[in-house]
N, C-alpha and C. Protein backbone atom coordinates (compact mmCIF):
# COMPACT_ATOMS: atom_id res chain seq x y z
N THR A 1 -25.36 5.20 -22.22
CA THR A 1 -24.32 4.23 -22.52
C THR A 1 -22.98 4.79 -22.09
N ILE A 2 -21.98 3.90 -21.99
CA ILE A 2 -20.65 4.31 -21.52
C ILE A 2 -19.58 3.82 -22.48
N ASP A 3 -18.39 4.41 -22.36
CA ASP A 3 -17.24 3.99 -23.15
C ASP A 3 -16.79 2.61 -22.68
N ASN A 4 -16.19 1.85 -23.59
CA ASN A 4 -15.63 0.54 -23.26
C ASN A 4 -14.19 0.46 -23.74
N CYS A 5 -13.44 -0.43 -23.15
CA CYS A 5 -12.08 -0.73 -23.57
C CYS A 5 -12.02 -2.23 -23.80
N PHE A 6 -11.81 -2.61 -25.05
CA PHE A 6 -11.71 -4.03 -25.40
C PHE A 6 -10.25 -4.45 -25.37
N VAL A 7 -10.01 -5.67 -24.95
CA VAL A 7 -8.67 -6.24 -24.94
C VAL A 7 -8.67 -7.44 -25.88
N THR A 8 -7.76 -7.42 -26.85
CA THR A 8 -7.71 -8.47 -27.86
C THR A 8 -6.79 -9.60 -27.40
N ALA A 9 -6.85 -10.72 -28.11
CA ALA A 9 -6.01 -11.87 -27.79
C ALA A 9 -4.53 -11.52 -27.93
N SER A 10 -4.19 -10.55 -28.78
CA SER A 10 -2.79 -10.15 -28.94
C SER A 10 -2.37 -9.10 -27.92
N GLY A 11 -3.28 -8.69 -27.04
CA GLY A 11 -2.95 -7.76 -25.97
C GLY A 11 -3.17 -6.30 -26.31
N GLU A 12 -3.86 -6.02 -27.41
CA GLU A 12 -4.11 -4.63 -27.78
C GLU A 12 -5.33 -4.10 -27.04
N LEU A 13 -5.25 -2.86 -26.59
CA LEU A 13 -6.40 -2.17 -26.03
C LEU A 13 -7.08 -1.42 -27.18
N ILE A 14 -8.38 -1.61 -27.34
CA ILE A 14 -9.14 -0.91 -28.37
C ILE A 14 -10.23 -0.11 -27.67
N MET A 15 -10.22 1.20 -27.89
CA MET A 15 -11.20 2.08 -27.26
C MET A 15 -12.49 2.09 -28.08
N SER A 16 -13.61 2.06 -27.37
CA SER A 16 -14.92 2.06 -28.01
C SER A 16 -15.79 3.12 -27.33
N PRO A 17 -15.98 4.25 -28.00
CA PRO A 17 -16.80 5.30 -27.38
C PRO A 17 -18.27 4.89 -27.26
N ALA A 18 -18.93 5.46 -26.29
CA ALA A 18 -20.35 5.19 -26.09
C ALA A 18 -21.11 5.43 -27.38
N GLY A 19 -22.00 4.51 -27.70
CA GLY A 19 -22.84 4.66 -28.89
C GLY A 19 -22.21 4.18 -30.18
N GLN A 20 -21.00 3.60 -30.12
CA GLN A 20 -20.33 3.13 -31.34
C GLN A 20 -21.16 2.08 -32.06
N PHE A 21 -21.78 1.20 -31.30
CA PHE A 21 -22.55 0.11 -31.90
C PHE A 21 -24.04 0.41 -31.78
N LYS A 22 -24.74 0.31 -32.89
CA LYS A 22 -26.17 0.58 -32.89
C LYS A 22 -26.99 -0.67 -32.58
N THR A 23 -26.39 -1.86 -32.86
CA THR A 23 -27.11 -3.10 -32.62
C THR A 23 -26.19 -4.10 -31.93
N ARG A 24 -26.79 -5.09 -31.34
CA ARG A 24 -26.03 -6.18 -30.73
C ARG A 24 -25.20 -6.90 -31.79
N GLU A 25 -25.76 -7.07 -32.98
CA GLU A 25 -25.05 -7.76 -34.07
C GLU A 25 -23.78 -7.00 -34.48
N GLU A 26 -23.84 -5.68 -34.51
CA GLU A 26 -22.65 -4.87 -34.81
C GLU A 26 -21.56 -5.11 -33.77
N ALA A 27 -21.95 -5.12 -32.52
CA ALA A 27 -20.99 -5.33 -31.43
C ALA A 27 -20.39 -6.74 -31.51
N GLU A 28 -21.21 -7.73 -31.75
CA GLU A 28 -20.72 -9.11 -31.85
C GLU A 28 -19.78 -9.28 -33.04
N ALA A 29 -20.07 -8.64 -34.17
CA ALA A 29 -19.19 -8.72 -35.34
C ALA A 29 -17.85 -8.06 -35.04
N PHE A 30 -17.87 -6.93 -34.35
CA PHE A 30 -16.63 -6.23 -33.96
C PHE A 30 -15.79 -7.13 -33.06
N ILE A 31 -16.42 -7.72 -32.06
CA ILE A 31 -15.72 -8.58 -31.11
C ILE A 31 -15.07 -9.76 -31.83
N LYS A 32 -15.79 -10.37 -32.75
CA LYS A 32 -15.24 -11.50 -33.50
C LYS A 32 -14.11 -11.06 -34.43
N GLU A 33 -14.31 -9.98 -35.16
CA GLU A 33 -13.31 -9.49 -36.11
C GLU A 33 -12.00 -9.09 -35.42
N LYS A 34 -12.10 -8.45 -34.26
CA LYS A 34 -10.92 -7.95 -33.54
C LYS A 34 -10.32 -8.99 -32.59
N ASP A 35 -10.94 -10.16 -32.47
CA ASP A 35 -10.48 -11.22 -31.58
C ASP A 35 -10.41 -10.75 -30.12
N VAL A 36 -11.50 -10.10 -29.70
CA VAL A 36 -11.60 -9.58 -28.34
C VAL A 36 -11.80 -10.73 -27.36
N ILE A 37 -11.00 -10.71 -26.27
CA ILE A 37 -11.14 -11.75 -25.26
C ILE A 37 -11.85 -11.27 -24.00
N PHE A 38 -11.80 -9.97 -23.73
CA PHE A 38 -12.60 -9.40 -22.64
C PHE A 38 -12.65 -7.90 -22.80
N SER A 39 -13.50 -7.28 -21.98
CA SER A 39 -13.62 -5.82 -22.04
C SER A 39 -13.63 -5.24 -20.65
N LEU A 40 -13.25 -3.98 -20.58
CA LEU A 40 -13.32 -3.21 -19.35
C LEU A 40 -14.46 -2.23 -19.51
N CYS A 41 -15.23 -2.07 -18.47
CA CYS A 41 -16.44 -1.25 -18.59
C CYS A 41 -16.52 -0.30 -17.41
N PHE A 42 -16.03 0.90 -17.60
CA PHE A 42 -16.20 1.99 -16.63
C PHE A 42 -16.03 3.30 -17.38
N GLY A 43 -14.77 3.67 -17.69
CA GLY A 43 -14.51 4.85 -18.50
C GLY A 43 -14.56 6.13 -17.70
N PRO A 44 -14.28 7.21 -18.38
CA PRO A 44 -14.27 7.39 -19.82
C PRO A 44 -12.93 7.05 -20.46
N ILE A 45 -12.93 7.06 -21.79
CA ILE A 45 -11.68 6.98 -22.55
C ILE A 45 -10.92 8.27 -22.27
N LEU A 46 -9.62 8.14 -22.00
CA LEU A 46 -8.77 9.30 -21.74
C LEU A 46 -7.93 9.66 -22.97
N ILE A 47 -7.26 8.66 -23.53
CA ILE A 47 -6.35 8.85 -24.65
C ILE A 47 -6.71 7.85 -25.74
N ASP A 48 -6.77 8.33 -26.98
CA ASP A 48 -7.00 7.44 -28.12
C ASP A 48 -6.10 7.90 -29.26
N GLU A 49 -5.21 7.01 -29.68
CA GLU A 49 -4.23 7.30 -30.74
C GLU A 49 -3.45 8.58 -30.42
N TYR A 50 -2.90 8.64 -29.19
CA TYR A 50 -2.06 9.73 -28.68
C TYR A 50 -2.79 11.07 -28.56
N GLU A 51 -4.10 11.05 -28.61
CA GLU A 51 -4.88 12.28 -28.46
C GLU A 51 -5.65 12.24 -27.15
N ASN A 52 -5.55 13.30 -26.37
CA ASN A 52 -6.29 13.38 -25.12
C ASN A 52 -7.75 13.68 -25.46
N VAL A 53 -8.62 12.71 -25.20
CA VAL A 53 -10.05 12.85 -25.50
C VAL A 53 -10.90 12.84 -24.23
N THR A 54 -10.28 13.14 -23.09
CA THR A 54 -10.99 13.14 -21.81
C THR A 54 -12.17 14.11 -21.88
N PRO A 55 -13.38 13.62 -21.59
CA PRO A 55 -14.55 14.49 -21.73
C PRO A 55 -14.74 15.42 -20.54
N ASP A 56 -15.53 16.47 -20.78
CA ASP A 56 -15.91 17.39 -19.70
C ASP A 56 -17.10 16.85 -18.90
N TYR A 57 -17.85 15.91 -19.49
CA TYR A 57 -18.98 15.27 -18.81
C TYR A 57 -18.94 13.79 -19.13
N TYR A 58 -19.32 12.97 -18.14
CA TYR A 58 -19.40 11.53 -18.34
C TYR A 58 -20.43 10.98 -17.37
N THR A 59 -21.11 9.92 -17.77
CA THR A 59 -22.19 9.33 -16.98
C THR A 59 -21.71 8.83 -15.62
N LEU A 60 -20.52 8.24 -15.56
CA LEU A 60 -20.00 7.66 -14.32
C LEU A 60 -18.80 8.47 -13.80
N GLY A 61 -18.58 8.41 -12.52
CA GLY A 61 -17.31 8.81 -11.95
C GLY A 61 -17.09 10.27 -11.64
N GLU A 62 -18.07 11.12 -11.82
CA GLU A 62 -17.93 12.52 -11.43
C GLU A 62 -16.60 13.09 -11.90
N VAL A 63 -16.45 13.22 -13.22
CA VAL A 63 -15.15 13.53 -13.84
C VAL A 63 -14.57 14.87 -13.44
N ASN A 64 -15.38 15.83 -13.00
CA ASN A 64 -14.86 17.15 -12.67
C ASN A 64 -14.57 17.33 -11.18
N ASP A 65 -14.88 16.34 -10.38
CA ASP A 65 -14.56 16.37 -8.96
C ASP A 65 -13.22 15.68 -8.73
N THR A 66 -12.58 16.00 -7.61
CA THR A 66 -11.31 15.36 -7.30
C THR A 66 -11.52 14.15 -6.40
N TYR A 67 -10.98 13.05 -6.86
CA TYR A 67 -11.04 11.76 -6.15
C TYR A 67 -9.75 11.00 -6.46
N PRO A 68 -9.49 9.93 -5.71
CA PRO A 68 -8.46 9.00 -6.18
C PRO A 68 -8.88 8.48 -7.55
N ARG A 69 -7.95 8.40 -8.46
CA ARG A 69 -8.23 7.97 -9.83
C ARG A 69 -7.33 6.81 -10.21
N CYS A 70 -7.80 6.02 -11.17
CA CYS A 70 -7.07 4.84 -11.61
C CYS A 70 -7.27 4.68 -13.11
N ALA A 71 -6.20 4.33 -13.83
CA ALA A 71 -6.31 4.16 -15.29
C ALA A 71 -5.36 3.07 -15.75
N ILE A 72 -5.66 2.56 -16.94
CA ILE A 72 -4.74 1.66 -17.64
C ILE A 72 -4.45 2.29 -18.99
N GLY A 73 -3.19 2.23 -19.39
CA GLY A 73 -2.79 2.76 -20.68
C GLY A 73 -1.91 1.77 -21.40
N GLN A 74 -1.70 2.03 -22.68
CA GLN A 74 -0.86 1.15 -23.50
C GLN A 74 0.10 2.00 -24.32
N PHE A 75 1.38 1.57 -24.32
CA PHE A 75 2.41 2.23 -25.12
C PHE A 75 2.59 1.53 -26.46
N ALA A 76 2.53 0.22 -26.43
CA ALA A 76 2.75 -0.64 -27.60
C ALA A 76 2.14 -2.00 -27.25
N PRO A 77 2.08 -2.92 -28.22
CA PRO A 77 1.51 -4.23 -27.88
C PRO A 77 2.18 -4.84 -26.64
N ARG A 78 1.35 -5.20 -25.68
CA ARG A 78 1.78 -5.82 -24.41
C ARG A 78 2.72 -4.96 -23.58
N HIS A 79 2.64 -3.67 -23.75
CA HIS A 79 3.38 -2.71 -22.92
C HIS A 79 2.37 -1.72 -22.35
N TYR A 80 2.15 -1.84 -21.03
CA TYR A 80 1.07 -1.12 -20.37
C TYR A 80 1.59 -0.26 -19.23
N LEU A 81 0.75 0.68 -18.84
CA LEU A 81 0.98 1.47 -17.64
C LEU A 81 -0.33 1.46 -16.86
N THR A 82 -0.27 1.11 -15.59
CA THR A 82 -1.40 1.34 -14.71
C THR A 82 -1.00 2.48 -13.80
N LEU A 83 -1.93 3.36 -13.53
CA LEU A 83 -1.61 4.55 -12.75
C LEU A 83 -2.71 4.81 -11.74
N ASN A 84 -2.31 4.98 -10.49
CA ASN A 84 -3.20 5.44 -9.44
C ASN A 84 -2.76 6.83 -9.04
N ILE A 85 -3.68 7.76 -9.03
CA ILE A 85 -3.44 9.06 -8.42
C ILE A 85 -4.25 9.02 -7.14
N ASN A 86 -3.55 9.03 -6.01
CA ASN A 86 -4.21 8.72 -4.76
C ASN A 86 -3.59 9.50 -3.62
N VAL A 87 -4.36 9.70 -2.59
CA VAL A 87 -3.90 10.40 -1.40
C VAL A 87 -2.87 9.55 -0.64
N ARG A 88 -1.86 10.22 -0.10
CA ARG A 88 -0.94 9.56 0.84
C ARG A 88 -1.26 10.14 2.21
N LEU A 89 -1.85 9.34 3.05
CA LEU A 89 -2.23 9.82 4.37
C LEU A 89 -1.00 9.99 5.25
N ASN A 90 -1.09 10.89 6.20
CA ASN A 90 -0.02 11.13 7.18
C ASN A 90 1.28 11.57 6.53
N THR A 91 1.21 12.26 5.38
CA THR A 91 2.40 12.83 4.76
C THR A 91 2.04 14.21 4.26
N GLN A 92 3.02 14.92 3.74
CA GLN A 92 2.75 16.24 3.16
C GLN A 92 2.21 16.12 1.74
N TYR A 93 2.21 14.91 1.17
CA TYR A 93 1.78 14.72 -0.21
C TYR A 93 0.33 14.24 -0.25
N VAL A 94 -0.58 15.15 -0.48
CA VAL A 94 -1.98 14.82 -0.58
C VAL A 94 -2.47 15.33 -1.93
N PHE A 95 -2.95 14.43 -2.78
CA PHE A 95 -3.41 14.85 -4.10
C PHE A 95 -4.48 13.91 -4.59
N TRP A 96 -5.60 14.47 -4.94
CA TRP A 96 -6.64 13.75 -5.65
C TRP A 96 -6.79 14.45 -6.99
N ALA A 97 -7.44 13.82 -7.94
CA ALA A 97 -7.43 14.34 -9.30
C ALA A 97 -8.80 14.33 -9.95
N THR A 98 -8.96 15.17 -10.95
CA THR A 98 -10.11 15.12 -11.84
C THR A 98 -9.77 14.13 -12.96
N ALA A 99 -10.74 13.79 -13.77
CA ALA A 99 -10.47 12.93 -14.93
C ALA A 99 -9.51 13.64 -15.89
N LYS A 100 -9.63 14.95 -16.04
CA LYS A 100 -8.71 15.71 -16.92
C LYS A 100 -7.27 15.58 -16.41
N ASP A 101 -7.08 15.67 -15.09
CA ASP A 101 -5.74 15.48 -14.52
C ASP A 101 -5.19 14.10 -14.86
N LEU A 102 -6.06 13.09 -14.76
CA LEU A 102 -5.66 11.72 -15.07
C LEU A 102 -5.28 11.59 -16.54
N GLY A 103 -6.08 12.17 -17.44
CA GLY A 103 -5.76 12.14 -18.87
C GLY A 103 -4.44 12.83 -19.17
N GLU A 104 -4.21 13.97 -18.54
CA GLU A 104 -2.94 14.69 -18.74
C GLU A 104 -1.76 13.86 -18.27
N ALA A 105 -1.92 13.16 -17.15
CA ALA A 105 -0.84 12.31 -16.65
C ALA A 105 -0.55 11.17 -17.62
N MET A 106 -1.59 10.54 -18.15
CA MET A 106 -1.39 9.44 -19.10
C MET A 106 -0.73 9.94 -20.39
N MET A 107 -1.06 11.16 -20.81
CA MET A 107 -0.39 11.77 -21.97
C MET A 107 1.09 12.00 -21.66
N LYS A 108 1.35 12.54 -20.49
CA LYS A 108 2.73 12.83 -20.07
C LYS A 108 3.59 11.58 -20.13
N TYR A 109 3.02 10.44 -19.75
CA TYR A 109 3.78 9.19 -19.76
C TYR A 109 3.82 8.52 -21.13
N GLY A 110 3.21 9.15 -22.14
CA GLY A 110 3.35 8.68 -23.52
C GLY A 110 2.42 7.57 -23.94
N CYS A 111 1.25 7.47 -23.31
CA CYS A 111 0.32 6.41 -23.68
C CYS A 111 -0.31 6.66 -25.05
N GLN A 112 -0.38 5.60 -25.84
CA GLN A 112 -1.08 5.65 -27.12
C GLN A 112 -2.59 5.62 -26.88
N ARG A 113 -2.99 4.83 -25.89
CA ARG A 113 -4.39 4.70 -25.51
C ARG A 113 -4.45 4.63 -23.97
N ALA A 114 -5.53 5.16 -23.40
CA ALA A 114 -5.71 5.05 -21.94
C ALA A 114 -7.19 5.10 -21.61
N TYR A 115 -7.54 4.41 -20.54
CA TYR A 115 -8.93 4.23 -20.15
C TYR A 115 -9.04 4.34 -18.63
N THR A 116 -10.08 5.02 -18.16
CA THR A 116 -10.31 5.18 -16.73
C THR A 116 -10.90 3.91 -16.14
N LEU A 117 -10.34 3.48 -15.04
CA LEU A 117 -10.90 2.38 -14.25
C LEU A 117 -11.59 2.99 -13.04
N ASP A 118 -12.30 2.18 -12.28
CA ASP A 118 -12.99 2.68 -11.09
C ASP A 118 -11.96 3.24 -10.12
N GLY A 119 -12.26 4.36 -9.52
CA GLY A 119 -11.34 5.00 -8.58
C GLY A 119 -11.88 4.92 -7.17
N GLY A 120 -11.66 5.98 -6.38
CA GLY A 120 -12.12 6.02 -5.00
C GLY A 120 -11.55 4.88 -4.19
N GLN A 121 -12.41 4.17 -3.50
CA GLN A 121 -11.96 3.08 -2.63
C GLN A 121 -11.48 1.85 -3.40
N THR A 122 -11.68 1.80 -4.69
CA THR A 122 -11.18 0.66 -5.46
C THR A 122 -9.87 0.98 -6.19
N ALA A 123 -9.36 2.21 -6.03
CA ALA A 123 -8.11 2.61 -6.67
C ALA A 123 -6.94 2.11 -5.83
N THR A 124 -6.65 0.83 -5.95
CA THR A 124 -5.59 0.23 -5.16
C THR A 124 -4.59 -0.48 -6.06
N THR A 125 -3.36 -0.50 -5.61
CA THR A 125 -2.31 -1.23 -6.30
C THR A 125 -1.65 -2.18 -5.30
N VAL A 126 -1.52 -3.42 -5.72
CA VAL A 126 -0.88 -4.44 -4.89
C VAL A 126 0.29 -5.01 -5.67
N ILE A 127 1.46 -5.04 -5.06
CA ILE A 127 2.64 -5.64 -5.67
C ILE A 127 3.21 -6.65 -4.67
N ASN A 128 3.43 -7.87 -5.14
CA ASN A 128 3.91 -8.95 -4.28
C ASN A 128 3.07 -9.08 -3.01
N ASN A 129 1.75 -9.05 -3.19
CA ASN A 129 0.79 -9.23 -2.11
C ASN A 129 0.83 -8.11 -1.07
N GLN A 130 1.39 -6.95 -1.43
CA GLN A 130 1.49 -5.82 -0.52
C GLN A 130 0.75 -4.62 -1.11
N LEU A 131 -0.24 -4.10 -0.38
CA LEU A 131 -0.94 -2.89 -0.79
C LEU A 131 0.05 -1.73 -0.70
N ILE A 132 0.23 -0.99 -1.80
CA ILE A 132 1.26 0.06 -1.79
C ILE A 132 0.70 1.48 -1.76
N ASN A 133 -0.61 1.63 -1.70
CA ASN A 133 -1.16 2.96 -1.59
C ASN A 133 -2.24 2.99 -0.51
N ASP A 134 -2.44 4.19 0.03
CA ASP A 134 -3.52 4.36 1.00
C ASP A 134 -4.84 4.39 0.24
N VAL A 135 -5.91 4.04 0.92
CA VAL A 135 -7.21 3.91 0.30
C VAL A 135 -8.14 5.00 0.84
N GLN A 136 -8.92 5.62 -0.05
CA GLN A 136 -9.86 6.64 0.38
C GLN A 136 -10.80 6.09 1.44
N PHE A 137 -11.05 6.86 2.46
CA PHE A 137 -11.90 6.50 3.59
C PHE A 137 -11.30 5.36 4.41
N GLY A 138 -10.03 5.02 4.18
CA GLY A 138 -9.31 4.07 5.01
C GLY A 138 -9.63 2.60 4.82
N GLU A 139 -10.52 2.27 3.92
CA GLU A 139 -10.89 0.86 3.75
C GLU A 139 -11.20 0.57 2.29
N GLU A 140 -10.64 -0.54 1.78
CA GLU A 140 -10.92 -0.94 0.41
C GLU A 140 -12.37 -1.38 0.29
N ARG A 141 -12.98 -1.06 -0.84
CA ARG A 141 -14.33 -1.54 -1.13
C ARG A 141 -14.19 -2.89 -1.83
N PRO A 142 -14.99 -3.88 -1.45
CA PRO A 142 -14.89 -5.17 -2.14
C PRO A 142 -15.15 -5.01 -3.64
N THR A 143 -14.35 -5.70 -4.45
CA THR A 143 -14.53 -5.67 -5.90
C THR A 143 -14.51 -7.09 -6.43
N SER A 144 -15.13 -7.26 -7.58
CA SER A 144 -15.19 -8.59 -8.17
C SER A 144 -14.19 -8.77 -9.30
N ASP A 145 -13.58 -7.67 -9.74
CA ASP A 145 -12.65 -7.74 -10.87
C ASP A 145 -11.32 -7.11 -10.53
N ILE A 146 -10.27 -7.65 -11.12
CA ILE A 146 -8.94 -7.08 -10.99
C ILE A 146 -8.25 -7.15 -12.35
N ILE A 147 -7.22 -6.35 -12.50
CA ILE A 147 -6.32 -6.49 -13.64
C ILE A 147 -5.03 -7.03 -13.05
N TYR A 148 -4.60 -8.16 -13.57
CA TYR A 148 -3.49 -8.91 -13.00
C TYR A 148 -2.42 -9.09 -14.05
N PHE A 149 -1.19 -8.69 -13.73
CA PHE A 149 -0.07 -8.90 -14.63
C PHE A 149 0.83 -9.97 -14.03
N ALA A 150 1.24 -10.89 -14.86
CA ALA A 150 2.12 -11.98 -14.42
C ALA A 150 3.16 -12.22 -15.49
N THR A 151 4.17 -12.98 -15.14
CA THR A 151 5.20 -13.33 -16.11
C THR A 151 5.22 -14.82 -16.32
N ALA A 152 5.58 -15.21 -17.52
CA ALA A 152 5.75 -16.63 -17.82
C ALA A 152 7.22 -17.04 -17.72
N VAL A 153 8.06 -16.07 -17.36
CA VAL A 153 9.49 -16.33 -17.22
C VAL A 153 9.73 -16.98 -15.88
N PRO A 154 10.33 -18.17 -15.86
CA PRO A 154 10.55 -18.83 -14.58
C PRO A 154 11.58 -18.09 -13.73
N GLU A 155 11.39 -18.17 -12.40
CA GLU A 155 12.37 -17.56 -11.49
C GLU A 155 13.66 -18.35 -11.57
N LYS A 156 14.77 -17.68 -11.42
CA LYS A 156 16.07 -18.34 -11.48
C LYS A 156 16.57 -18.68 -10.11
């Protein structure tokens, strides 16, 4: 089993370590009680209640090897940080990270909670329809899910 990150209707990230639920009924009761609207499923959990809980071993993602990494963190309700640690090709700045490096970075930025997202070729950031980081192996891998932030404030 793997760690999960639940997102509630109020925008809270709730970390759920692997094995938290023993039955489907326990998980369904948790989802209903916490008003969960969706979940993220990759992991591991990096930060929980301001504590770095990044594991030394995890089922997915080769946590001790260096790769482009991606995470989402939360400072307060509806205040998030997404972070890519990624190679910059054709520059002097080349850095890939372990999961521990990613957890330390999320701690440094003051996250109350943080969760690892898929990295490698899917560790991409797009702002205003513009890819702003280089991608491992030079090509994005097709993905079916994204995390999208938008504003309800009209443009002036």
